[in-house]
Amino acid sequence: MKESGMRWRSSSLRLYFSDKDPLFVNTSVSLLHSLLTSASVIFILFRELLGTGPSGMFDHSQLVEHTWPWAFEALSFSCGYFAYDQWDMLHYRLYNGWIPSILVHHLVLLICFTLALYRNVTINYLILTLICELHSIFLHVRKVRRMAGIRDAKSIHVKLEWFLNWVTFCVARSVPHILITAKLMKDAHKFQKGVELPLALLGMAGMNLLNIGLGMDLLKAFKRERKSQQRNLHDHRE
């Protein structure tokens, strides 16, 4: 009796997870990654800021040759997530177009993260780039919200979500990535000969280009939601 009950629960769990929409599962996992990574990065940066101050923690040798406490673990976690997400999107075809920007983004990150972890260099630089996961939280929240059918552009929750989306896009994604690129160019002469600088500059160039595309996509989505709301309001009045 006990064994049959265990088999029933096991089969029920398999049925429960197999019936789930792959896109919803993927988005939920991505949201969880963004939450955990954002919290980890903020903790690492705040701890280092209190310990060494901004001038010390952003020194070239600190960013390239040293590794802040918990930075290696946080970067390893994100590297594993991006590998999973890349496989999941390819397996379930959760992308659009022949060369989706999200797959290019993940490929660039996987190359940079894997080499950095293997060679144990520039890990702190890469931790700084992960502050963009704060913005990713609201990208994933928007996706989940739309899957749940909540699309009222005049809703206070939707307005707040869009406000936080735009603020974090600027403060946690665009500006930090531009500043990191500027720092790399400023300290270019301090790098030893090798692949670190070319790979870092190429990676940041790709990230900045993808940020421009993401900003344009966000603006289109924002306008589309506003137009849809206005059209629904007009139809309701008629």
C-alpha atoms as a PDB file:
ATOM      1  CA  MET A   1       0.000   0.000   0.000  1.00  0.00           C
ATOM      2  CA  LYS A   2       2.813   2.344   0.949  1.00  0.00           C
ATOM      3  CA  GLU A   3       4.750   1.531  -2.246  1.00  0.00           C
ATOM      4  CA  SER A   4       1.691   2.108  -4.435  1.00  0.00           C
ATOM      5  CA  GLY A   5       1.156   5.474  -2.748  1.00  0.00           C
ATOM      6  CA  MET A   6       4.758   6.466  -3.451  1.00  0.00           C
ATOM      7  CA  ARG A   7       4.424   5.366  -7.088  1.00  0.00           C
ATOM      8  CA  TRP A   8       1.229   7.411  -7.424  1.00  0.00           C
ATOM      9  CA  ARG A   9       2.899  10.532  -5.997  1.00  0.00           C
ATOM     10  CA  SER A  10       5.929  10.031  -8.256  1.00  0.00           C
ATOM     11  CA  SER A  11       3.766   9.644 -11.373  1.00  0.00           C
ATOM     12  CA  SER A  12       1.702  12.665 -10.330  1.00  0.00           C
ATOM     13  CA  LEU A  13       4.834  14.792 -10.014  1.00  0.00           C
ATOM     14  CA  ARG A  14       6.090  13.676 -13.433  1.00  0.00           C
ATOM     15  CA  LEU A  15       2.707  14.475 -14.960  1.00  0.00           C
ATOM     16  CA  TYR A  16       2.607  17.856 -13.188  1.00  0.00           C
ATOM     17  CA  PHE A  17       5.998  18.980 -14.510  1.00  0.00           C
ATOM     18  CA  SER A  18       5.567  17.449 -17.974  1.00  0.00           C
ATOM     19  CA  ASP A  19       2.355  19.414 -18.510  1.00  0.00           C
ATOM     20  CA  LYS A  20       4.032  22.735 -17.775  1.00  0.00           C
ATOM     21  CA  ASP A  21       4.587  25.256 -20.548  1.00  0.00           C
ATOM     22  CA  PRO A  22       8.355  25.166 -21.328  1.00  0.00           C
ATOM     23  CA  LEU A  23       8.381  28.951 -21.821  1.00  0.00           C
ATOM     24  CA  PHE A  24       6.794  29.531 -18.412  1.00  0.00           C
ATOM     25  CA  VAL A  25       9.253  27.153 -16.722  1.00  0.00           C
ATOM     26  CA  ASN A  26      12.185  28.784 -18.521  1.00  0.00           C
ATOM     27  CA  THR A  27      11.041  32.282 -17.544  1.00  0.00           C
ATOM     28  CA  SER A  28      10.473  31.244 -13.929  1.00  0.00           C
ATOM     29  CA  VAL A  29      13.972  29.751 -13.681  1.00  0.00           C
ATOM     30  CA  SER A  30      15.404  32.902 -15.286  1.00  0.00           C
ATOM     31  CA  LEU A  31      13.559  35.058 -12.765  1.00  0.00           C
ATOM     32  CA  LEU A  32      14.931  32.976  -9.899  1.00  0.00           C
ATOM     33  CA  HIS A  33      18.459  33.298 -11.311  1.00  0.00           C
ATOM     34  CA  SER A  34      18.110  37.074 -11.622  1.00  0.00           C
ATOM     35  CA  LEU A  35      16.872  37.394  -8.042  1.00  0.00           C
ATOM     36  CA  LEU A  36      19.650  35.230  -6.580  1.00  0.00           C
ATOM     37  CA  THR A  37      22.412  36.738  -8.722  1.00  0.00           C
ATOM     38  CA  SER A  38      21.327  40.321  -8.035  1.00  0.00           C
ATOM     39  CA  ALA A  39      21.292  39.666  -4.300  1.00  0.00           C
ATOM     40  CA  SER A  40      24.715  37.975  -4.510  1.00  0.00           C
ATOM     41  CA  VAL A  41      26.299  40.786  -6.536  1.00  0.00           C
ATOM     42  CA  ILE A  42      24.906  43.489  -4.247  1.00  0.00           C
ATOM     43  CA  PHE A  43      26.188  41.573  -1.204  1.00  0.00           C
ATOM     44  CA  ILE A  44      29.661  41.121  -2.747  1.00  0.00           C
ATOM     45  CA  LEU A  45      29.950  44.769  -3.822  1.00  0.00           C
ATOM     46  CA  PHE A  46      28.584  46.179  -0.556  1.00  0.00           C
ATOM     47  CA  ARG A  47      30.919  43.978   1.491  1.00  0.00           C
ATOM     48  CA  GLU A  48      33.921  45.035  -0.585  1.00  0.00           C
ATOM     49  CA  LEU A  49      32.892  48.691  -0.528  1.00  0.00           C
ATOM     50  CA  LEU A  50      32.825  48.666   3.272  1.00  0.00           C
ATOM     51  CA  GLY A  51      36.142  46.823   3.438  1.00  0.00           C
ATOM     52  CA  THR A  52      38.358  48.614   0.903  1.00  0.00           C
ATOM     53  CA  GLY A  53      36.372  51.614  -0.325  1.00  0.00           C
ATOM     54  CA  PRO A  54      35.602  52.586  -3.945  1.00  0.00           C
ATOM     55  CA  SER A  55      39.168  53.600  -4.843  1.00  0.00           C
ATOM     56  CA  GLY A  56      40.589  50.267  -3.711  1.00  0.00           C
ATOM     57  CA  MET A  57      37.932  47.932  -5.076  1.00  0.00           C
ATOM     58  CA  PHE A  58      37.996  49.470  -8.568  1.00  0.00           C
ATOM     59  CA  ASP A  59      41.785  49.413  -8.887  1.00  0.00           C
ATOM     60  CA  HIS A  60      42.990  47.613 -12.026  1.00  0.00           C
ATOM     61  CA  SER A  61      44.859  44.898 -10.137  1.00  0.00           C
ATOM     62  CA  GLN A  62      41.815  44.236  -7.948  1.00  0.00           C
ATOM     63  CA  LEU A  63      39.523  43.856 -10.937  1.00  0.00           C
ATOM     64  CA  VAL A  64      41.880  41.698 -13.009  1.00  0.00           C
ATOM     65  CA  GLU A  65      44.213  39.737 -10.746  1.00  0.00           C
ATOM     66  CA  HIS A  66      42.277  39.346  -7.502  1.00  0.00           C
ATOM     67  CA  THR A  67      38.924  37.763  -6.685  1.00  0.00           C
ATOM     68  CA  TRP A  68      36.519  39.203  -4.129  1.00  0.00           C
ATOM     69  CA  PRO A  69      35.086  36.783  -1.537  1.00  0.00           C
ATOM     70  CA  TRP A  70      32.159  34.796  -3.010  1.00  0.00           C
ATOM     71  CA  ALA A  71      32.763  36.272  -6.483  1.00  0.00           C
ATOM     72  CA  PHE A  72      34.046  32.979  -7.934  1.00  0.00           C
ATOM     73  CA  GLU A  73      31.019  31.098  -6.599  1.00  0.00           C
ATOM     74  CA  ALA A  74      28.553  33.718  -7.885  1.00  0.00           C
ATOM     75  CA  LEU A  75      30.134  33.716 -11.340  1.00  0.00           C
ATOM     76  CA  SER A  76      30.157  29.901 -11.445  1.00  0.00           C
ATOM     77  CA  PHE A  77      26.451  29.848 -10.567  1.00  0.00           C
ATOM     78  CA  SER A  78      25.623  32.272 -13.378  1.00  0.00           C
ATOM     79  CA  CYS A  79      27.813  30.381 -15.837  1.00  0.00           C
ATOM     80  CA  GLY A  80      25.898  27.198 -15.048  1.00  0.00           C
ATOM     81  CA  TYR A  81      22.578  28.984 -15.440  1.00  0.00           C
ATOM     82  CA  PHE A  82      23.485  30.442 -18.855  1.00  0.00           C
ATOM     83  CA  ALA A  83      24.572  26.991 -20.046  1.00  0.00           C
ATOM     84  CA  TYR A  84      21.233  25.543 -18.897  1.00  0.00           C
ATOM     85  CA  ASP A  85      19.235  28.411 -20.418  1.00  0.00           C
ATOM     86  CA  GLN A  86      21.041  28.127 -23.746  1.00  0.00           C
ATOM     87  CA  TRP A  87      20.301  24.390 -23.899  1.00  0.00           C
ATOM     88  CA  ASP A  88      16.688  24.872 -22.779  1.00  0.00           C
ATOM     89  CA  MET A  89      15.941  27.508 -25.425  1.00  0.00           C
ATOM     90  CA  LEU A  90      17.543  25.426 -28.161  1.00  0.00           C
ATOM     91  CA  HIS A  91      15.817  22.222 -27.009  1.00  0.00           C
ATOM     92  CA  TYR A  92      12.324  23.761 -26.872  1.00  0.00           C
ATOM     93  CA  ARG A  93      12.945  26.392 -29.589  1.00  0.00           C
ATOM     94  CA  LEU A  94      12.111  29.260 -27.234  1.00  0.00           C
ATOM     95  CA  TYR A  95      13.456  31.932 -29.586  1.00  0.00           C
ATOM     96  CA  ASN A  96      12.557  33.847 -32.731  1.00  0.00           C
ATOM     97  CA  GLY A  97      14.570  34.414 -35.904  1.00  0.00           C
ATOM     98  CA  TRP A  98      17.630  32.749 -37.375  1.00  0.00           C
ATOM     99  CA  ILE A  99      20.178  34.486 -35.108  1.00  0.00           C
ATOM    100  CA  PRO A 100      18.332  35.476 -31.902  1.00  0.00           C
ATOM    101  CA  SER A 101      20.089  38.132 -29.817  1.00  0.00           C
ATOM    102  CA  ILE A 102      19.405  36.192 -26.610  1.00  0.00           C
ATOM    103  CA  LEU A 103      21.364  33.168 -27.888  1.00  0.00           C
ATOM    104  CA  VAL A 104      24.229  35.404 -29.034  1.00  0.00           C
ATOM    105  CA  HIS A 105      24.189  37.099 -25.612  1.00  0.00           C
ATOM    106  CA  HIS A 106      24.387  33.762 -23.806  1.00  0.00           C
ATOM    107  CA  LEU A 107      27.159  32.490 -26.088  1.00  0.00           C
ATOM    108  CA  VAL A 108      29.297  35.595 -25.462  1.00  0.00           C
ATOM    109  CA  LEU A 109      28.780  35.290 -21.709  1.00  0.00           C
ATOM    110  CA  LEU A 110      29.549  31.567 -21.660  1.00  0.00           C
ATOM    111  CA  ILE A 111      32.843  32.101 -23.494  1.00  0.00           C
ATOM    112  CA  CYS A 112      33.894  35.010 -21.264  1.00  0.00           C
ATOM    113  CA  PHE A 113      32.752  33.391 -18.007  1.00  0.00           C
ATOM    114  CA  THR A 114      34.272  29.979 -18.742  1.00  0.00           C
ATOM    115  CA  LEU A 115      37.679  31.402 -19.702  1.00  0.00           C
ATOM    116  CA  ALA A 116      37.704  33.745 -16.696  1.00  0.00           C
ATOM    117  CA  LEU A 117      36.859  30.923 -14.291  1.00  0.00           C
ATOM    118  CA  TYR A 118      39.394  28.574 -15.884  1.00  0.00           C
ATOM    119  CA  ARG A 119      42.221  31.144 -15.836  1.00  0.00           C
ATOM    120  CA  ASN A 120      41.033  32.797 -12.595  1.00  0.00           C
ATOM    121  CA  VAL A 121      41.354  36.337 -14.015  1.00  0.00           C
ATOM    122  CA  THR A 122      38.975  39.305 -14.543  1.00  0.00           C
ATOM    123  CA  ILE A 123      36.385  37.640 -12.316  1.00  0.00           C
ATOM    124  CA  ASN A 124      35.666  40.892 -10.470  1.00  0.00           C
ATOM    125  CA  TYR A 125      35.123  42.681 -13.794  1.00  0.00           C
ATOM    126  CA  LEU A 126      32.521  40.080 -14.730  1.00  0.00           C
ATOM    127  CA  ILE A 127      30.817  40.405 -11.349  1.00  0.00           C
ATOM    128  CA  LEU A 128      30.358  44.106 -12.136  1.00  0.00           C
ATOM    129  CA  THR A 129      28.668  43.238 -15.438  1.00  0.00           C
ATOM    130  CA  LEU A 130      26.182  41.013 -13.584  1.00  0.00           C
ATOM    131  CA  ILE A 131      24.613  44.017 -11.855  1.00  0.00           C
ATOM    132  CA  CYS A 132      22.429  44.082 -14.991  1.00  0.00           C
ATOM    133  CA  GLU A 133      20.518  41.136 -13.506  1.00  0.00           C
ATOM    134  CA  LEU A 134      18.637  43.738 -11.446  1.00  0.00           C
ATOM    135  CA  HIS A 135      17.047  44.876 -14.695  1.00  0.00           C
ATOM    136  CA  SER A 136      16.521  41.296 -15.841  1.00  0.00           C
ATOM    137  CA  ILE A 137      14.249  40.778 -12.819  1.00  0.00           C
ATOM    138  CA  PHE A 138      11.704  43.198 -14.267  1.00  0.00           C
ATOM    139  CA  LEU A 139      12.083  41.807 -17.786  1.00  0.00           C
ATOM    140  CA  HIS A 140      11.108  38.378 -16.470  1.00  0.00           C
ATOM    141  CA  VAL A 141       8.358  39.801 -14.227  1.00  0.00           C
ATOM    142  CA  ARG A 142       6.840  41.492 -17.280  1.00  0.00           C
ATOM    143  CA  LYS A 143       6.937  38.215 -19.199  1.00  0.00           C
ATOM    144  CA  VAL A 144       5.279  36.282 -16.367  1.00  0.00           C
ATOM    145  CA  ARG A 145       2.688  39.045 -15.951  1.00  0.00           C
ATOM    146  CA  ARG A 146       1.734  38.862 -19.632  1.00  0.00           C
ATOM    147  CA  MET A 147       1.558  35.056 -19.485  1.00  0.00           C
ATOM    148  CA  ALA A 148      -0.874  35.458 -16.606  1.00  0.00           C
ATOM    149  CA  GLY A 149      -3.057  37.687 -18.816  1.00  0.00           C
ATOM    150  CA  ILE A 150      -2.444  40.915 -16.854  1.00  0.00           C
ATOM    151  CA  ARG A 151      -2.094  43.496 -19.624  1.00  0.00           C
ATOM    152  CA  ASP A 152      -3.934  46.556 -18.345  1.00  0.00           C
ATOM    153  CA  ALA A 153      -1.498  49.387 -19.118  1.00  0.00           C
ATOM    154  CA  LYS A 154      -3.342  51.700 -16.709  1.00  0.00           C
ATOM    155  CA  SER A 155      -2.993  49.324 -13.772  1.00  0.00           C
ATOM    156  CA  ILE A 156      -0.844  50.720 -10.958  1.00  0.00           C
ATOM    157  CA  HIS A 157       1.129  47.463 -10.848  1.00  0.00           C
ATOM    158  CA  VAL A 158       1.869  47.587 -14.578  1.00  0.00           C
ATOM    159  CA  LYS A 159       2.857  51.268 -14.378  1.00  0.00           C
ATOM    160  CA  LEU A 160       5.185  50.552 -11.448  1.00  0.00           C
ATOM    161  CA  GLU A 161       6.672  47.595 -13.300  1.00  0.00           C
ATOM    162  CA  TRP A 162       7.396  49.723 -16.377  1.00  0.00           C
ATOM    163  CA  PHE A 163       8.870  52.499 -14.220  1.00  0.00           C
ATOM    164  CA  LEU A 164      11.246  50.068 -12.493  1.00  0.00           C
ATOM    165  CA  ASN A 165      11.986  48.439 -15.845  1.00  0.00           C
ATOM    166  CA  TRP A 166      13.200  51.712 -17.357  1.00  0.00           C
ATOM    167  CA  VAL A 167      15.055  52.876 -14.231  1.00  0.00           C
ATOM    168  CA  THR A 168      16.988  49.622 -13.859  1.00  0.00           C
ATOM    169  CA  PHE A 169      17.621  49.469 -17.616  1.00  0.00           C
ATOM    170  CA  CYS A 170      19.507  52.764 -17.308  1.00  0.00           C
ATOM    171  CA  VAL A 171      21.013  52.471 -13.814  1.00  0.00           C
ATOM    172  CA  ALA A 172      21.797  48.743 -13.649  1.00  0.00           C
ATOM    173  CA  ARG A 173      22.416  47.835 -17.297  1.00  0.00           C
ATOM    174  CA  SER A 174      23.265  50.602 -19.780  1.00  0.00           C
ATOM    175  CA  VAL A 175      25.324  52.953 -17.590  1.00  0.00           C
ATOM    176  CA  PRO A 176      27.359  50.237 -15.773  1.00  0.00           C
ATOM    177  CA  HIS A 177      28.250  48.510 -19.041  1.00  0.00           C
ATOM    178  CA  ILE A 178      29.341  51.803 -20.618  1.00  0.00           C
ATOM    179  CA  LEU A 179      31.451  52.630 -17.542  1.00  0.00           C
ATOM    180  CA  ILE A 180      33.032  49.155 -17.557  1.00  0.00           C
ATOM    181  CA  THR A 181      33.919  49.588 -21.240  1.00  0.00           C
ATOM    182  CA  ALA A 182      35.442  53.008 -20.505  1.00  0.00           C
ATOM    183  CA  LYS A 183      37.447  51.544 -17.602  1.00  0.00           C
ATOM    184  CA  LEU A 184      38.790  48.767 -19.847  1.00  0.00           C
ATOM    185  CA  MET A 185      39.876  51.282 -22.478  1.00  0.00           C
ATOM    186  CA  LYS A 186      41.450  53.568 -19.869  1.00  0.00           C
ATOM    187  CA  ASP A 187      43.458  50.708 -18.318  1.00  0.00           C
ATOM    188  CA  ALA A 188      44.270  48.965 -21.614  1.00  0.00           C
ATOM    189  CA  HIS A 189      48.007  49.633 -21.215  1.00  0.00           C
ATOM    190  CA  LYS A 190      47.988  47.883 -17.811  1.00  0.00           C
ATOM    191  CA  PHE A 191      46.884  44.536 -19.245  1.00  0.00           C
ATOM    192  CA  GLN A 192      49.548  41.949 -19.979  1.00  0.00           C
ATOM    193  CA  LYS A 193      49.771  40.506 -23.464  1.00  0.00           C
ATOM    194  CA  GLY A 194      47.139  37.825 -23.885  1.00  0.00           C
ATOM    195  CA  VAL A 195      43.485  37.266 -24.699  1.00  0.00           C
ATOM    196  CA  GLU A 196      42.062  39.008 -21.612  1.00  0.00           C
ATOM    197  CA  LEU A 197      41.843  42.567 -22.992  1.00  0.00           C
ATOM    198  CA  PRO A 198      40.708  41.733 -26.567  1.00  0.00           C
ATOM    199  CA  LEU A 199      38.110  39.291 -25.248  1.00  0.00           C
ATOM    200  CA  ALA A 200      36.895  41.755 -22.601  1.00  0.00           C
ATOM    201  CA  LEU A 201      36.572  44.602 -25.117  1.00  0.00           C
ATOM    202  CA  LEU A 202      34.857  42.352 -27.659  1.00  0.00           C
ATOM    203  CA  GLY A 203      32.477  41.051 -24.993  1.00  0.00           C
ATOM    204  CA  MET A 204      31.579  44.528 -23.743  1.00  0.00           C
ATOM    205  CA  ALA A 205      31.124  45.806 -27.307  1.00  0.00           C
ATOM    206  CA  GLY A 206      28.672  42.974 -27.871  1.00  0.00           C
ATOM    207  CA  MET A 207      26.899  43.682 -24.587  1.00  0.00           C
ATOM    208  CA  ASN A 208      26.518  47.384 -25.410  1.00  0.00           C
ATOM    209  CA  LEU A 209      25.147  46.613 -28.866  1.00  0.00           C
ATOM    210  CA  LEU A 210      22.690  44.129 -27.383  1.00  0.00           C
ATOM    211  CA  ASN A 211      21.660  46.746 -24.802  1.00  0.00           C
ATOM    212  CA  ILE A 212      20.798  49.155 -27.621  1.00  0.00           C
ATOM    213  CA  GLY A 213      18.675  46.473 -29.279  1.00  0.00           C
ATOM    214  CA  LEU A 214      17.036  45.621 -25.961  1.00  0.00           C
ATOM    215  CA  GLY A 215      16.232  49.285 -25.333  1.00  0.00           C
ATOM    216  CA  MET A 216      14.597  49.565 -28.753  1.00  0.00           C
ATOM    217  CA  ASP A 217      12.588  46.384 -28.140  1.00  0.00           C
ATOM    218  CA  LEU A 218      11.452  47.691 -24.750  1.00  0.00           C
ATOM    219  CA  LEU A 219      10.341  50.984 -26.284  1.00  0.00           C
ATOM    220  CA  LYS A 220       8.361  49.143 -28.969  1.00  0.00           C
ATOM    221  CA  ALA A 221       6.733  46.913 -26.338  1.00  0.00           C
ATOM    222  CA  PHE A 222       5.871  49.931 -24.188  1.00  0.00           C
ATOM    223  CA  LYS A 223       4.255  51.758 -27.108  1.00  0.00           C
ATOM    224  CA  ARG A 224       2.436  48.594 -28.186  1.00  0.00           C
ATOM    225  CA  GLU A 225       0.911  48.104 -24.733  1.00  0.00           C
ATOM    226  CA  ARG A 226      -0.166  51.752 -24.582  1.00  0.00           C
ATOM    227  CA  LYS A 227      -1.755  51.580 -28.046  1.00  0.00           C
ATOM    228  CA  SER A 228      -3.531  48.333 -27.180  1.00  0.00           C
ATOM    229  CA  GLN A 229      -4.943  49.911 -24.030  1.00  0.00           C
ATOM    230  CA  GLN A 230      -6.130  53.001 -25.931  1.00  0.00           C
ATOM    231  CA  ARG A 231      -7.736  50.819 -28.609  1.00  0.00           C
ATOM    232  CA  ASN A 232      -9.558  48.727 -25.999  1.00  0.00           C
ATOM    233  CA  LEU A 233     -10.763  51.882 -24.266  1.00  0.00           C
ATOM    234  CA  HIS A 234     -12.026  53.289 -27.579  1.00  0.00           C
ATOM    235  CA  ASP A 235     -13.875  50.042 -28.411  1.00  0.00           C
ATOM    236  CA  HIS A 236     -15.408  49.988 -24.938  1.00  0.00           C
ATOM    237  CA  ARG A 237     -16.750  53.534 -25.350  1.00  0.00           C
ATOM    238  CA  GLU A 238     -18.315  52.660 -28.697  1.00  0.00           C
END
